[in-house]
Amino acid sequence: MKLFQTVLTILIITGLVLACSGCTVNIKNLTQNKTLQTGKEPLNVPEYPNATRTSYSNVPFVGQVAIYQTNDTPKQVLEFYKSQMQERGYNISRSFTSASETGGLIIFAKGQDTVWVAVGQNNGNTSIALRTSFQS
């Protein structure tokens, strides 16, 4: 959980720094799942089955961040993304998991594109934070 909080804090600080430097940050709260989009084409990041998207932001020069909630365990979520992202041609660049399997972070890379998947438990639910950074 501490790793998840650290990653989420880094993402928030990065967004705030960019927002304060003249960039705009678009934050939307969503109650239904939708495909993440760059403006031209959908991103190649699957949504976790039966998860509910609770927030989304598109931070210029950083990427897109979406937060989901599910009742499944962090281990199930991490295994899903390992499988799905590797099927899409991504390699695992970094992988960190807690000893008690209550959370973790996997960074996937494909060329210049990266996808961060941070997972942690909060009040009995599993939170999923997806951060994408795609080059045009």
C-alpha atoms as a PDB file:
ATOM      1  CA  MET A   1       0.000   0.000   0.000  1.00  0.00           C
ATOM      2  CA  LYS A   2       2.889   2.348   0.770  1.00  0.00           C
ATOM      3  CA  LEU A   3       4.276   1.822  -2.753  1.00  0.00           C
ATOM      4  CA  PHE A   4       0.879   2.583  -4.293  1.00  0.00           C
ATOM      5  CA  GLN A   5       0.570   5.768  -2.225  1.00  0.00           C
ATOM      6  CA  THR A   6       4.079   6.822  -3.229  1.00  0.00           C
ATOM      7  CA  VAL A   7       3.385   6.286  -6.945  1.00  0.00           C
ATOM      8  CA  LEU A   8       0.046   8.067  -6.730  1.00  0.00           C
ATOM      9  CA  THR A   9       1.699  10.966  -4.886  1.00  0.00           C
ATOM     10  CA  ILE A  10       4.372  11.232  -7.596  1.00  0.00           C
ATOM     11  CA  LEU A  11       1.704  11.318 -10.295  1.00  0.00           C
ATOM     12  CA  ILE A  12      -0.251  14.014  -8.458  1.00  0.00           C
ATOM     13  CA  ILE A  13       2.847  16.146  -7.807  1.00  0.00           C
ATOM     14  CA  THR A  14       3.892  15.857 -11.457  1.00  0.00           C
ATOM     15  CA  GLY A  15       0.438  17.005 -12.523  1.00  0.00           C
ATOM     16  CA  LEU A  16       0.476  19.933 -10.105  1.00  0.00           C
ATOM     17  CA  VAL A  17       3.942  21.043 -11.210  1.00  0.00           C
ATOM     18  CA  LEU A  18       2.869  21.044 -14.836  1.00  0.00           C
ATOM     19  CA  ALA A  19      -0.391  22.800 -14.020  1.00  0.00           C
ATOM     20  CA  CYS A  20       1.470  25.521 -12.139  1.00  0.00           C
ATOM     21  CA  SER A  21       3.928  25.998 -14.992  1.00  0.00           C
ATOM     22  CA  GLY A  22       1.244  27.200 -17.384  1.00  0.00           C
ATOM     23  CA  CYS A  23      -0.107  23.868 -18.596  1.00  0.00           C
ATOM     24  CA  THR A  24      -3.753  23.033 -18.137  1.00  0.00           C
ATOM     25  CA  VAL A  25      -4.973  19.891 -16.457  1.00  0.00           C
ATOM     26  CA  ASN A  26      -8.324  18.414 -17.420  1.00  0.00           C
ATOM     27  CA  ILE A  27      -9.813  16.285 -14.629  1.00  0.00           C
ATOM     28  CA  LYS A  28     -13.106  14.496 -15.049  1.00  0.00           C
ATOM     29  CA  ASN A  29     -15.004  12.272 -12.653  1.00  0.00           C
ATOM     30  CA  LEU A  30     -16.693   9.467 -14.520  1.00  0.00           C
ATOM     31  CA  THR A  31     -19.288   6.987 -13.373  1.00  0.00           C
ATOM     32  CA  GLN A  32     -19.068   4.660 -16.333  1.00  0.00           C
ATOM     33  CA  ASN A  33     -16.202   2.964 -18.099  1.00  0.00           C
ATOM     34  CA  LYS A  34     -15.083   4.441 -21.402  1.00  0.00           C
ATOM     35  CA  THR A  35     -12.086   3.735 -23.608  1.00  0.00           C
ATOM     36  CA  LEU A  36      -9.174   6.071 -22.921  1.00  0.00           C
ATOM     37  CA  GLN A  37      -8.551   8.222 -25.969  1.00  0.00           C
ATOM     38  CA  THR A  38      -5.719  10.444 -27.166  1.00  0.00           C
ATOM     39  CA  GLY A  39      -7.915  12.508 -29.443  1.00  0.00           C
ATOM     40  CA  LYS A  40      -7.223  10.441 -32.547  1.00  0.00           C
ATOM     41  CA  GLU A  41      -7.283   6.806 -31.541  1.00  0.00           C
ATOM     42  CA  PRO A  42      -8.053   4.650 -28.491  1.00  0.00           C
ATOM     43  CA  LEU A  43      -5.106   3.744 -26.311  1.00  0.00           C
ATOM     44  CA  ASN A  44      -4.030   0.138 -26.264  1.00  0.00           C
ATOM     45  CA  VAL A  45      -4.652  -0.324 -22.518  1.00  0.00           C
ATOM     46  CA  PRO A  46      -7.423  -2.683 -21.461  1.00  0.00           C
ATOM     47  CA  GLU A  47      -9.840  -1.823 -18.692  1.00  0.00           C
ATOM     48  CA  TYR A  48      -9.935  -4.341 -15.877  1.00  0.00           C
ATOM     49  CA  PRO A  49     -13.155  -6.433 -16.150  1.00  0.00           C
ATOM     50  CA  ASN A  50     -15.972  -5.308 -13.833  1.00  0.00           C
ATOM     51  CA  ALA A  51     -13.942  -2.348 -12.540  1.00  0.00           C
ATOM     52  CA  THR A  52     -15.476   1.098 -12.177  1.00  0.00           C
ATOM     53  CA  ARG A  53     -13.540   4.121 -13.337  1.00  0.00           C
ATOM     54  CA  THR A  54     -13.612   6.781 -10.614  1.00  0.00           C
ATOM     55  CA  SER A  55     -11.425   9.471 -12.165  1.00  0.00           C
ATOM     56  CA  TYR A  56      -9.520  10.454 -15.267  1.00  0.00           C
ATOM     57  CA  SER A  57      -7.026  13.184 -16.089  1.00  0.00           C
ATOM     58  CA  ASN A  58      -5.052  14.113 -19.180  1.00  0.00           C
ATOM     59  CA  VAL A  59      -1.871  15.958 -18.230  1.00  0.00           C
ATOM     60  CA  PRO A  60      -0.009  17.523 -21.179  1.00  0.00           C
ATOM     61  CA  PHE A  61       3.539  16.202 -21.623  1.00  0.00           C
ATOM     62  CA  VAL A  62       2.935  13.560 -18.904  1.00  0.00           C
ATOM     63  CA  GLY A  63       0.131  11.368 -20.220  1.00  0.00           C
ATOM     64  CA  GLN A  64      -3.244  10.113 -19.176  1.00  0.00           C
ATOM     65  CA  VAL A  65      -4.129   8.827 -15.709  1.00  0.00           C
ATOM     66  CA  ALA A  66      -7.231   6.791 -14.926  1.00  0.00           C
ATOM     67  CA  ILE A  67      -8.236   5.385 -11.537  1.00  0.00           C
ATOM     68  CA  TYR A  68     -10.458   2.314 -11.180  1.00  0.00           C
ATOM     69  CA  GLN A  69     -11.978   0.351  -8.283  1.00  0.00           C
ATOM     70  CA  THR A  70     -12.670  -3.386  -8.165  1.00  0.00           C
ATOM     71  CA  ASN A  71     -13.498  -6.048  -5.597  1.00  0.00           C
ATOM     72  CA  ASP A  72     -10.833  -8.410  -6.976  1.00  0.00           C
ATOM     73  CA  THR A  73      -7.481  -8.863  -5.234  1.00  0.00           C
ATOM     74  CA  PRO A  74      -4.390  -6.870  -6.227  1.00  0.00           C
ATOM     75  CA  LYS A  75      -2.735 -10.129  -7.284  1.00  0.00           C
ATOM     76  CA  GLN A  76      -5.591 -10.856  -9.744  1.00  0.00           C
ATOM     77  CA  VAL A  77      -5.334  -7.345 -11.191  1.00  0.00           C
ATOM     78  CA  LEU A  78      -1.556  -7.480 -11.610  1.00  0.00           C
ATOM     79  CA  GLU A  79      -1.743 -10.903 -13.297  1.00  0.00           C
ATOM     80  CA  PHE A  80      -4.430  -9.594 -15.682  1.00  0.00           C
ATOM     81  CA  TYR A  81      -2.273  -6.653 -16.762  1.00  0.00           C
ATOM     82  CA  LYS A  82       0.879  -8.771 -17.086  1.00  0.00           C
ATOM     83  CA  SER A  83      -0.952 -11.052 -19.486  1.00  0.00           C
ATOM     84  CA  GLN A  84      -2.894  -8.413 -21.411  1.00  0.00           C
ATOM     85  CA  MET A  85      -0.057  -5.950 -21.912  1.00  0.00           C
ATOM     86  CA  GLN A  86       2.396  -8.623 -23.030  1.00  0.00           C
ATOM     87  CA  GLU A  87      -0.206  -9.823 -25.571  1.00  0.00           C
ATOM     88  CA  ARG A  88      -0.218  -6.250 -26.912  1.00  0.00           C
ATOM     89  CA  GLY A  89       3.557  -6.335 -27.415  1.00  0.00           C
ATOM     90  CA  TYR A  90       4.648  -4.542 -24.235  1.00  0.00           C
ATOM     91  CA  ASN A  91       7.576  -5.758 -22.138  1.00  0.00           C
ATOM     92  CA  ILE A  92       7.828  -5.425 -18.377  1.00  0.00           C
ATOM     93  CA  SER A  93      10.353  -2.672 -17.713  1.00  0.00           C
ATOM     94  CA  ARG A  94      10.049  -2.650 -13.906  1.00  0.00           C
ATOM     95  CA  SER A  95       7.969  -4.646 -11.460  1.00  0.00           C
ATOM     96  CA  PHE A  96       7.500  -4.129  -7.729  1.00  0.00           C
ATOM     97  CA  THR A  97       5.082  -6.016  -5.498  1.00  0.00           C
ATOM     98  CA  SER A  98       4.543  -5.963  -1.751  1.00  0.00           C
ATOM     99  CA  ALA A  99       5.566  -9.042   0.202  1.00  0.00           C
ATOM    100  CA  SER A 100       1.984  -9.505   1.396  1.00  0.00           C
ATOM    101  CA  GLU A 101       0.641  -9.150  -2.181  1.00  0.00           C
ATOM    102  CA  THR A 102      -1.568  -6.206  -1.185  1.00  0.00           C
ATOM    103  CA  GLY A 103      -0.228  -4.005  -3.948  1.00  0.00           C
ATOM    104  CA  GLY A 104       2.343  -3.423  -6.597  1.00  0.00           C
ATOM    105  CA  LEU A 105       3.555  -1.454  -9.579  1.00  0.00           C
ATOM    106  CA  ILE A 106       4.381  -2.708 -13.067  1.00  0.00           C
ATOM    107  CA  ILE A 107       5.869  -0.452 -15.730  1.00  0.00           C
ATOM    108  CA  PHE A 108       5.422  -1.687 -19.292  1.00  0.00           C
ATOM    109  CA  ALA A 109       7.367  -0.395 -22.294  1.00  0.00           C
ATOM    110  CA  LYS A 110       6.933  -0.692 -26.052  1.00  0.00           C
ATOM    111  CA  GLY A 111       9.320   1.507 -28.013  1.00  0.00           C
ATOM    112  CA  GLN A 112       8.922   5.007 -26.561  1.00  0.00           C
ATOM    113  CA  ASP A 113       5.488   4.240 -25.070  1.00  0.00           C
ATOM    114  CA  THR A 114       5.100   3.397 -21.387  1.00  0.00           C
ATOM    115  CA  VAL A 115       2.196   2.235 -19.254  1.00  0.00           C
ATOM    116  CA  TRP A 116       2.303   2.274 -15.450  1.00  0.00           C
ATOM    117  CA  VAL A 117      -0.091   0.018 -13.551  1.00  0.00           C
ATOM    118  CA  ALA A 118      -0.199   0.717  -9.800  1.00  0.00           C
ATOM    119  CA  VAL A 119      -2.455  -1.449  -7.639  1.00  0.00           C
ATOM    120  CA  GLY A 120      -3.263  -1.247  -3.935  1.00  0.00           C
ATOM    121  CA  GLN A 121      -5.967  -2.046  -1.407  1.00  0.00           C
ATOM    122  CA  ASN A 122      -8.057   0.633   0.266  1.00  0.00           C
ATOM    123  CA  ASN A 123     -10.947  -0.085   2.650  1.00  0.00           C
ATOM    124  CA  GLY A 124     -11.466  -3.587   1.269  1.00  0.00           C
ATOM    125  CA  ASN A 125     -11.451  -2.475  -2.369  1.00  0.00           C
ATOM    126  CA  THR A 126      -8.612  -2.666  -4.851  1.00  0.00           C
ATOM    127  CA  SER A 127      -7.597   0.589  -6.518  1.00  0.00           C
ATOM    128  CA  ILE A 128      -6.011   0.533  -9.964  1.00  0.00           C
ATOM    129  CA  ALA A 129      -4.106   3.556 -11.282  1.00  0.00           C
ATOM    130  CA  LEU A 130      -3.179   3.475 -14.972  1.00  0.00           C
ATOM    131  CA  ARG A 131      -0.758   6.050 -16.321  1.00  0.00           C
ATOM    132  CA  THR A 132       0.014   6.153 -20.013  1.00  0.00           C
ATOM    133  CA  SER A 133       2.749   8.024 -21.813  1.00  0.00           C
ATOM    134  CA  PHE A 134       2.516   7.686 -25.578  1.00  0.00           C
ATOM    135  CA  GLN A 135       4.740   9.377 -28.099  1.00  0.00           C
ATOM    136  CA  SER A 136       3.186  10.709 -31.289  1.00  0.00           C
END
